[in-house]
Amino acid sequence: MLNEVKSHPAGKKNMSSMDKGIRILLAAIIIILYFTNQITGVAAIVLGIFAVIFLLTSLVGFCPLYAPFKLSTIKKSK
């Protein structure tokens, strides 16, 4: 039963270390811009949502937008 969960597409990681790093960097930039009042209002809300999504997907290692297109930024071992 554990193998079935591992093989499920939603549980398979599809993000490389570099992909995760870039997302974390973008989230950090958005957070800095927010706390220095460079972004406010609707832009702050929208970018804040993106920052949360970037952080969550980086922590999990899975991007749901990659799945339907069967994309992965992880290099395949030969």
PDB file of N, CA and C in Angstrom:
ATOM      1  N   MET A   1       0.817  -1.194   0.000  1.00  0.00           N
ATOM      2  CA  MET A   1       0.000   0.000   0.000  1.00  0.00           C
ATOM      3  C   MET A   1       0.862   1.258   0.000  1.00  0.00           C
ATOM      4  N   LEU A   2       1.978   1.247   0.690  1.00  0.00           N
ATOM      5  CA  LEU A   2       2.869   2.392   0.709  1.00  0.00           C
ATOM      6  C   LEU A   2       3.439   2.663  -0.677  1.00  0.00           C
ATOM      7  N   ASN A   3       3.725   1.614  -1.437  1.00  0.00           N
ATOM      8  CA  ASN A   3       4.236   1.785  -2.792  1.00  0.00           C
ATOM      9  C   ASN A   3       3.230   2.467  -3.702  1.00  0.00           C
ATOM     10  N   GLU A   4       1.948   2.185  -3.494  1.00  0.00           N
ATOM     11  CA  GLU A   4       0.918   2.824  -4.305  1.00  0.00           C
ATOM     12  C   GLU A   4       0.907   4.322  -4.082  1.00  0.00           C
ATOM     13  N   VAL A   5       1.086   4.765  -2.862  1.00  0.00           N
ATOM     14  CA  VAL A   5       1.108   6.187  -2.563  1.00  0.00           C
ATOM     15  C   VAL A   5       2.327   6.838  -3.196  1.00  0.00           C
ATOM     16  N   LYS A   6       3.472   6.179  -3.153  1.00  0.00           N
ATOM     17  CA  LYS A   6       4.690   6.730  -3.736  1.00  0.00           C
ATOM     18  C   LYS A   6       4.574   6.889  -5.243  1.00  0.00           C
ATOM     19  N   SER A   7       3.918   5.951  -5.902  1.00  0.00           N
ATOM     20  CA  SER A   7       3.839   5.991  -7.356  1.00  0.00           C
ATOM     21  C   SER A   7       2.770   6.949  -7.865  1.00  0.00           C
ATOM     22  N   HIS A   8       1.931   7.471  -6.983  1.00  0.00           N
ATOM     23  CA  HIS A   8       0.898   8.421  -7.378  1.00  0.00           C
ATOM     24  C   HIS A   8       1.568   9.690  -7.887  1.00  0.00           C
ATOM     25  N   PRO A   9       1.131  10.235  -9.036  1.00  0.00           N
ATOM     26  CA  PRO A   9       1.781  11.404  -9.630  1.00  0.00           C
ATOM     27  C   PRO A   9       1.843  12.612  -8.691  1.00  0.00           C
ATOM     28  N   ALA A  10       0.838  12.807  -7.847  1.00  0.00           N
ATOM     29  CA  ALA A  10       0.826  13.972  -6.966  1.00  0.00           C
ATOM     30  C   ALA A  10       1.892  13.875  -5.887  1.00  0.00           C
ATOM     31  N   GLY A  11       2.400  12.680  -5.606  1.00  0.00           N
ATOM     32  CA  GLY A  11       3.411  12.509  -4.581  1.00  0.00           C
ATOM     33  C   GLY A  11       4.823  12.518  -5.124  1.00  0.00           C
ATOM     34  N   LYS A  12       4.965  12.541  -6.436  1.00  0.00           N
ATOM     35  CA  LYS A  12       6.288  12.474  -7.060  1.00  0.00           C
ATOM     36  C   LYS A  12       6.887  13.876  -7.150  1.00  0.00           C
ATOM     37  N   LYS A  13       8.107  14.019  -6.699  1.00  0.00           N
ATOM     38  CA  LYS A  13       8.766  15.320  -6.751  1.00  0.00           C
ATOM     39  C   LYS A  13       9.126  15.651  -8.195  1.00  0.00           C
ATOM     40  N   ASN A  14       8.945  16.924  -8.554  1.00  0.00           N
ATOM     41  CA  ASN A  14       9.240  17.334  -9.917  1.00  0.00           C
ATOM     42  C   ASN A  14      10.018  18.658  -9.978  1.00  0.00           C
ATOM     43  N   MET A  15      10.635  19.031  -8.844  1.00  0.00           N
ATOM     44  CA  MET A  15      11.381  20.282  -8.792  1.00  0.00           C
ATOM     45  C   MET A  15      12.833  20.030  -8.376  1.00  0.00           C
ATOM     46  N   SER A  16      13.755  20.606  -9.122  1.00  0.00           N
ATOM     47  CA  SER A  16      15.177  20.473  -8.798  1.00  0.00           C
ATOM     48  C   SER A  16      15.560  21.452  -7.689  1.00  0.00           C
ATOM     49  N   SER A  17      16.759  21.304  -7.196  1.00  0.00           N
ATOM     50  CA  SER A  17      17.274  22.205  -6.157  1.00  0.00           C
ATOM     51  C   SER A  17      17.325  23.643  -6.661  1.00  0.00           C
ATOM     52  N   MET A  18      17.734  23.818  -7.905  1.00  0.00           N
ATOM     53  CA  MET A  18      17.809  25.166  -8.461  1.00  0.00           C
ATOM     54  C   MET A  18      16.420  25.779  -8.574  1.00  0.00           C
ATOM     55  N   ASP A  19      15.456  25.008  -9.009  1.00  0.00           N
ATOM     56  CA  ASP A  19      14.073  25.462  -9.108  1.00  0.00           C
ATOM     57  C   ASP A  19      13.573  25.909  -7.729  1.00  0.00           C
ATOM     58  N   LYS A  20      13.835  25.109  -6.720  1.00  0.00           N
ATOM     59  CA  LYS A  20      13.435  25.451  -5.352  1.00  0.00           C
ATOM     60  C   LYS A  20      14.120  26.730  -4.890  1.00  0.00           C
ATOM     61  N   GLY A  21      15.408  26.840  -5.169  1.00  0.00           N
ATOM     62  CA  GLY A  21      16.170  28.018  -4.760  1.00  0.00           C
ATOM     63  C   GLY A  21      15.654  29.299  -5.388  1.00  0.00           C
ATOM     64  N   ILE A  22      15.332  29.221  -6.678  1.00  0.00           N
ATOM     65  CA  ILE A  22      14.806  30.399  -7.380  1.00  0.00           C
ATOM     66  C   ILE A  22      13.466  30.812  -6.784  1.00  0.00           C
ATOM     67  N   ARG A  23      12.613  29.849  -6.482  1.00  0.00           N
ATOM     68  CA  ARG A  23      11.312  30.160  -5.884  1.00  0.00           C
ATOM     69  C   ARG A  23      11.464  30.781  -4.501  1.00  0.00           C
ATOM     70  N   ILE A  24      12.383  30.261  -3.714  1.00  0.00           N
ATOM     71  CA  ILE A  24      12.618  30.819  -2.379  1.00  0.00           C
ATOM     72  C   ILE A  24      13.171  32.243  -2.496  1.00  0.00           C
ATOM     73  N   LEU A  25      14.078  32.464  -3.447  1.00  0.00           N
ATOM     74  CA  LEU A  25      14.633  33.794  -3.676  1.00  0.00           C
ATOM     75  C   LEU A  25      13.542  34.784  -4.084  1.00  0.00           C
ATOM     76  N   LEU A  26      12.668  34.379  -5.001  1.00  0.00           N
ATOM     77  CA  LEU A  26      11.568  35.249  -5.427  1.00  0.00           C
ATOM     78  C   LEU A  26      10.629  35.568  -4.257  1.00  0.00           C
ATOM     79  N   ALA A  27      10.336  34.570  -3.443  1.00  0.00           N
ATOM     80  CA  ALA A  27       9.477  34.792  -2.280  1.00  0.00           C
ATOM     81  C   ALA A  27      10.140  35.776  -1.318  1.00  0.00           C
ATOM     82  N   ALA A  28      11.446  35.632  -1.105  1.00  0.00           N
ATOM     83  CA  ALA A  28      12.172  36.540  -0.214  1.00  0.00           C
ATOM     84  C   ALA A  28      12.139  37.971  -0.741  1.00  0.00           C
ATOM     85  N   ILE A  29      12.309  38.128  -2.048  1.00  0.00           N
ATOM     86  CA  ILE A  29      12.264  39.461  -2.660  1.00  0.00           C
ATOM     87  C   ILE A  29      10.885  40.082  -2.456  1.00  0.00           C
ATOM     88  N   ILE A  30       9.837  39.303  -2.671  1.00  0.00           N
ATOM     89  CA  ILE A  30       8.474  39.807  -2.483  1.00  0.00           C
ATOM     90  C   ILE A  30       8.256  40.230  -1.025  1.00  0.00           C
ATOM     91  N   ILE A  31       8.723  39.417  -0.098  1.00  0.00           N
ATOM     92  CA  ILE A  31       8.571  39.733   1.327  1.00  0.00           C
ATOM     93  C   ILE A  31       9.318  41.023   1.672  1.00  0.00           C
ATOM     94  N   ILE A  32      10.531  41.172   1.166  1.00  0.00           N
ATOM     95  CA  ILE A  32      11.311  42.392   1.419  1.00  0.00           C
ATOM     96  C   ILE A  32      10.603  43.610   0.838  1.00  0.00           C
ATOM     97  N   LEU A  33      10.106  43.479  -0.397  1.00  0.00           N
ATOM     98  CA  LEU A  33       9.387  44.596  -1.014  1.00  0.00           C
ATOM     99  C   LEU A  33       8.147  44.977  -0.210  1.00  0.00           C
ATOM    100  N   TYR A  34       7.472  43.990   0.330  1.00  0.00           N
ATOM    101  CA  TYR A  34       6.275  44.266   1.134  1.00  0.00           C
ATOM    102  C   TYR A  34       6.635  45.014   2.415  1.00  0.00           C
ATOM    103  N   PHE A  35       7.634  44.514   3.137  1.00  0.00           N
ATOM    104  CA  PHE A  35       7.973  45.122   4.422  1.00  0.00           C
ATOM    105  C   PHE A  35       8.700  46.460   4.290  1.00  0.00           C
ATOM    106  N   THR A  36       9.201  46.792   3.103  1.00  0.00           N
ATOM    107  CA  THR A  36       9.789  48.114   2.872  1.00  0.00           C
ATOM    108  C   THR A  36       8.787  49.044   2.180  1.00  0.00           C
ATOM    109  N   ASN A  37       7.531  48.613   2.126  1.00  0.00           N
ATOM    110  CA  ASN A  37       6.424  49.388   1.544  1.00  0.00           C
ATOM    111  C   ASN A  37       6.641  49.761   0.085  1.00  0.00           C
ATOM    112  N   GLN A  38       7.354  48.929  -0.643  1.00  0.00           N
ATOM    113  CA  GLN A  38       7.531  49.149  -2.075  1.00  0.00           C
ATOM    114  C   GLN A  38       6.325  48.638  -2.858  1.00  0.00           C
ATOM    115  N   ILE A  39       5.634  47.657  -2.294  1.00  0.00           N
ATOM    116  CA  ILE A  39       4.393  47.168  -2.895  1.00  0.00           C
ATOM    117  C   ILE A  39       3.287  47.270  -1.850  1.00  0.00           C
ATOM    118  N   THR A  40       2.132  47.721  -2.286  1.00  0.00           N
ATOM    119  CA  THR A  40       0.984  47.879  -1.379  1.00  0.00           C
ATOM    120  C   THR A  40      -0.293  47.517  -2.130  1.00  0.00           C
ATOM    121  N   GLY A  41      -1.376  47.466  -1.403  1.00  0.00           N
ATOM    122  CA  GLY A  41      -2.693  47.250  -1.998  1.00  0.00           C
ATOM    123  C   GLY A  41      -2.854  45.886  -2.636  1.00  0.00           C
ATOM    124  N   VAL A  42      -3.525  45.881  -3.779  1.00  0.00           N
ATOM    125  CA  VAL A  42      -3.834  44.635  -4.488  1.00  0.00           C
ATOM    126  C   VAL A  42      -2.551  43.931  -4.933  1.00  0.00           C
ATOM    127  N   ALA A  43      -1.571  44.696  -5.384  1.00  0.00           N
ATOM    128  CA  ALA A  43      -0.296  44.094  -5.815  1.00  0.00           C
ATOM    129  C   ALA A  43       0.353  43.335  -4.664  1.00  0.00           C
ATOM    130  N   ALA A  44       0.305  43.902  -3.469  1.00  0.00           N
ATOM    131  CA  ALA A  44       0.890  43.243  -2.298  1.00  0.00           C
ATOM    132  C   ALA A  44       0.162  41.943  -1.989  1.00  0.00           C
ATOM    133  N   ILE A  45      -1.148  41.952  -2.116  1.00  0.00           N
ATOM    134  CA  ILE A  45      -1.940  40.746  -1.834  1.00  0.00           C
ATOM    135  C   ILE A  45      -1.632  39.660  -2.863  1.00  0.00           C
ATOM    136  N   VAL A  46      -1.654  40.018  -4.139  1.00  0.00           N
ATOM    137  CA  VAL A  46      -1.405  39.039  -5.203  1.00  0.00           C
ATOM    138  C   VAL A  46       0.011  38.482  -5.101  1.00  0.00           C
ATOM    139  N   LEU A  47       0.990  39.361  -4.935  1.00  0.00           N
ATOM    140  CA  LEU A  47       2.373  38.898  -4.831  1.00  0.00           C
ATOM    141  C   LEU A  47       2.604  38.116  -3.544  1.00  0.00           C
ATOM    142  N   GLY A  48       1.890  38.482  -2.472  1.00  0.00           N
ATOM    143  CA  GLY A  48       1.985  37.727  -1.223  1.00  0.00           C
ATOM    144  C   GLY A  48       1.480  36.307  -1.391  1.00  0.00           C
ATOM    145  N   ILE A  49       0.404  36.152  -2.140  1.00  0.00           N
ATOM    146  CA  ILE A  49      -0.127  34.811  -2.426  1.00  0.00           C
ATOM    147  C   ILE A  49       0.899  34.006  -3.221  1.00  0.00           C
ATOM    148  N   PHE A  50       1.510  34.648  -4.226  1.00  0.00           N
ATOM    149  CA  PHE A  50       2.551  33.970  -4.999  1.00  0.00           C
ATOM    150  C   PHE A  50       3.723  33.562  -4.109  1.00  0.00           C
ATOM    151  N   ALA A  51       4.115  34.444  -3.184  1.00  0.00           N
ATOM    152  CA  ALA A  51       5.236  34.141  -2.286  1.00  0.00           C
ATOM    153  C   ALA A  51       4.924  32.910  -1.439  1.00  0.00           C
ATOM    154  N   VAL A  52       3.710  32.830  -0.919  1.00  0.00           N
ATOM    155  CA  VAL A  52       3.310  31.663  -0.112  1.00  0.00           C
ATOM    156  C   VAL A  52       3.332  30.400  -0.965  1.00  0.00           C
ATOM    157  N   ILE A  53       2.807  30.488  -2.171  1.00  0.00           N
ATOM    158  CA  ILE A  53       2.797  29.330  -3.073  1.00  0.00           C
ATOM    159  C   ILE A  53       4.222  28.901  -3.409  1.00  0.00           C
ATOM    160  N   PHE A  54       5.094  29.880  -3.698  1.00  0.00           N
ATOM    161  CA  PHE A  54       6.497  29.557  -3.993  1.00  0.00           C
ATOM    162  C   PHE A  54       7.151  28.839  -2.825  1.00  0.00           C
ATOM    163  N   LEU A  55       6.915  29.327  -1.608  1.00  0.00           N
ATOM    164  CA  LEU A  55       7.521  28.695  -0.435  1.00  0.00           C
ATOM    165  C   LEU A  55       6.981  27.287  -0.211  1.00  0.00           C
ATOM    166  N   LEU A  56       5.668  27.120  -0.334  1.00  0.00           N
ATOM    167  CA  LEU A  56       5.078  25.795  -0.120  1.00  0.00           C
ATOM    168  C   LEU A  56       5.558  24.777  -1.148  1.00  0.00           C
ATOM    169  N   THR A  57       5.565  25.168  -2.410  1.00  0.00           N
ATOM    170  CA  THR A  57       6.010  24.226  -3.440  1.00  0.00           C
ATOM    171  C   THR A  57       7.494  23.906  -3.284  1.00  0.00           C
ATOM    172  N   SER A  58       8.273  24.876  -2.820  1.00  0.00           N
ATOM    173  CA  SER A  58       9.700  24.621  -2.585  1.00  0.00           C
ATOM    174  C   SER A  58       9.900  23.632  -1.450  1.00  0.00           C
ATOM    175  N   LEU A  59       9.131  23.762  -0.395  1.00  0.00           N
ATOM    176  CA  LEU A  59       9.257  22.854   0.741  1.00  0.00           C
ATOM    177  C   LEU A  59       8.832  21.435   0.384  1.00  0.00           C
ATOM    178  N   VAL A  60       7.786  21.311  -0.423  1.00  0.00           N
ATOM    179  CA  VAL A  60       7.267  19.999  -0.793  1.00  0.00           C
ATOM    180  C   VAL A  60       8.064  19.381  -1.936  1.00  0.00           C
ATOM    181  N   GLY A  61       8.596  20.229  -2.823  1.00  0.00           N
ATOM    182  CA  GLY A  61       9.357  19.721  -3.971  1.00  0.00           C
ATOM    183  C   GLY A  61       8.469  19.303  -5.126  1.00  0.00           C
ATOM    184  N   PHE A  62       7.217  19.745  -5.089  1.00  0.00           N
ATOM    185  CA  PHE A  62       6.257  19.366  -6.124  1.00  0.00           C
ATOM    186  C   PHE A  62       5.500  20.599  -6.590  1.00  0.00           C
ATOM    187  N   CYS A  63       5.462  20.818  -7.905  1.00  0.00           N
ATOM    188  CA  CYS A  63       4.692  21.915  -8.482  1.00  0.00           C
ATOM    189  C   CYS A  63       3.496  21.325  -9.223  1.00  0.00           C
ATOM    190  N   PRO A  64       2.284  21.608  -8.767  1.00  0.00           N
ATOM    191  CA  PRO A  64       1.101  21.047  -9.421  1.00  0.00           C
ATOM    192  C   PRO A  64       0.910  21.522 -10.861  1.00  0.00           C
ATOM    193  N   LEU A  65       1.465  22.667 -11.224  1.00  0.00           N
ATOM    194  CA  LEU A  65       1.343  23.140 -12.602  1.00  0.00           C
ATOM    195  C   LEU A  65       2.215  22.345 -13.565  1.00  0.00           C
ATOM    196  N   TYR A  66       3.264  21.709 -13.064  1.00  0.00           N
ATOM    197  CA  TYR A  66       4.122  20.879 -13.906  1.00  0.00           C
ATOM    198  C   TYR A  66       3.455  19.540 -14.238  1.00  0.00           C
ATOM    199  N   ALA A  67       2.636  19.025 -13.329  1.00  0.00           N
ATOM    200  CA  ALA A  67       2.073  17.673 -13.451  1.00  0.00           C
ATOM    201  C   ALA A  67       1.254  17.435 -14.728  1.00  0.00           C
ATOM    202  N   PRO A  68       0.292  18.291 -15.086  1.00  0.00           N
ATOM    203  CA  PRO A  68      -0.510  18.002 -16.289  1.00  0.00           C
ATOM    204  C   PRO A  68       0.327  17.929 -17.564  1.00  0.00           C
ATOM    205  N   PHE A  69       1.448  18.640 -17.577  1.00  0.00           N
ATOM    206  CA  PHE A  69       2.308  18.662 -18.756  1.00  0.00           C
ATOM    207  C   PHE A  69       3.467  17.673 -18.644  1.00  0.00           C
ATOM    208  N   LYS A  70       3.480  16.918 -17.549  1.00  0.00           N
ATOM    209  CA  LYS A  70       4.521  15.931 -17.269  1.00  0.00           C
ATOM    210  C   LYS A  70       5.918  16.552 -17.329  1.00  0.00           C
ATOM    211  N   LEU A  71       6.028  17.756 -16.759  1.00  0.00           N
ATOM    212  CA  LEU A  71       7.302  18.457 -16.704  1.00  0.00           C
ATOM    213  C   LEU A  71       8.017  18.150 -15.406  1.00  0.00           C
ATOM    214  N   SER A  72       9.329  18.220 -15.442  1.00  0.00           N
ATOM    215  CA  SER A  72      10.145  18.045 -14.261  1.00  0.00           C
ATOM    216  C   SER A  72      11.451  18.782 -14.483  1.00  0.00           C
ATOM    217  N   THR A  73      11.927  19.455 -13.443  1.00  0.00           N
ATOM    218  CA  THR A  73      13.208  20.145 -13.561  1.00  0.00           C
ATOM    219  C   THR A  73      14.323  19.306 -12.938  1.00  0.00           C
ATOM    220  N   ILE A  74      13.997  18.110 -12.499  1.00  0.00           N
ATOM    221  CA  ILE A  74      14.983  17.206 -11.944  1.00  0.00           C
ATOM    222  C   ILE A  74      15.693  16.504 -13.092  1.00  0.00           C
ATOM    223  N   LYS A  75      17.031  16.518 -13.034  1.00  0.00           N
ATOM    224  CA  LYS A  75      17.801  15.835 -14.074  1.00  0.00           C
ATOM    225  C   LYS A  75      17.655  14.334 -13.891  1.00  0.00           C
ATOM    226  N   LYS A  76      17.426  13.664 -14.998  1.00  0.00           N
ATOM    227  CA  LYS A  76      17.294  12.206 -14.947  1.00  0.00           C
ATOM    228  C   LYS A  76      18.669  11.576 -14.928  1.00  0.00           C
ATOM    229  N   SER A  77      18.845  10.621 -14.020  1.00  0.00           N
ATOM    230  CA  SER A  77      20.130   9.911 -13.946  1.00  0.00           C
ATOM    231  C   SER A  77      20.242   8.922 -15.092  1.00  0.00           C
ATOM    232  N   LYS A  78      21.458   8.765 -15.583  1.00  0.00           N
ATOM    233  CA  LYS A  78      21.657   7.875 -16.740  1.00  0.00           C
ATOM    234  C   LYS A  78      22.138   6.524 -16.318  1.00  0.00           C
TER     235      LYS A  78
END
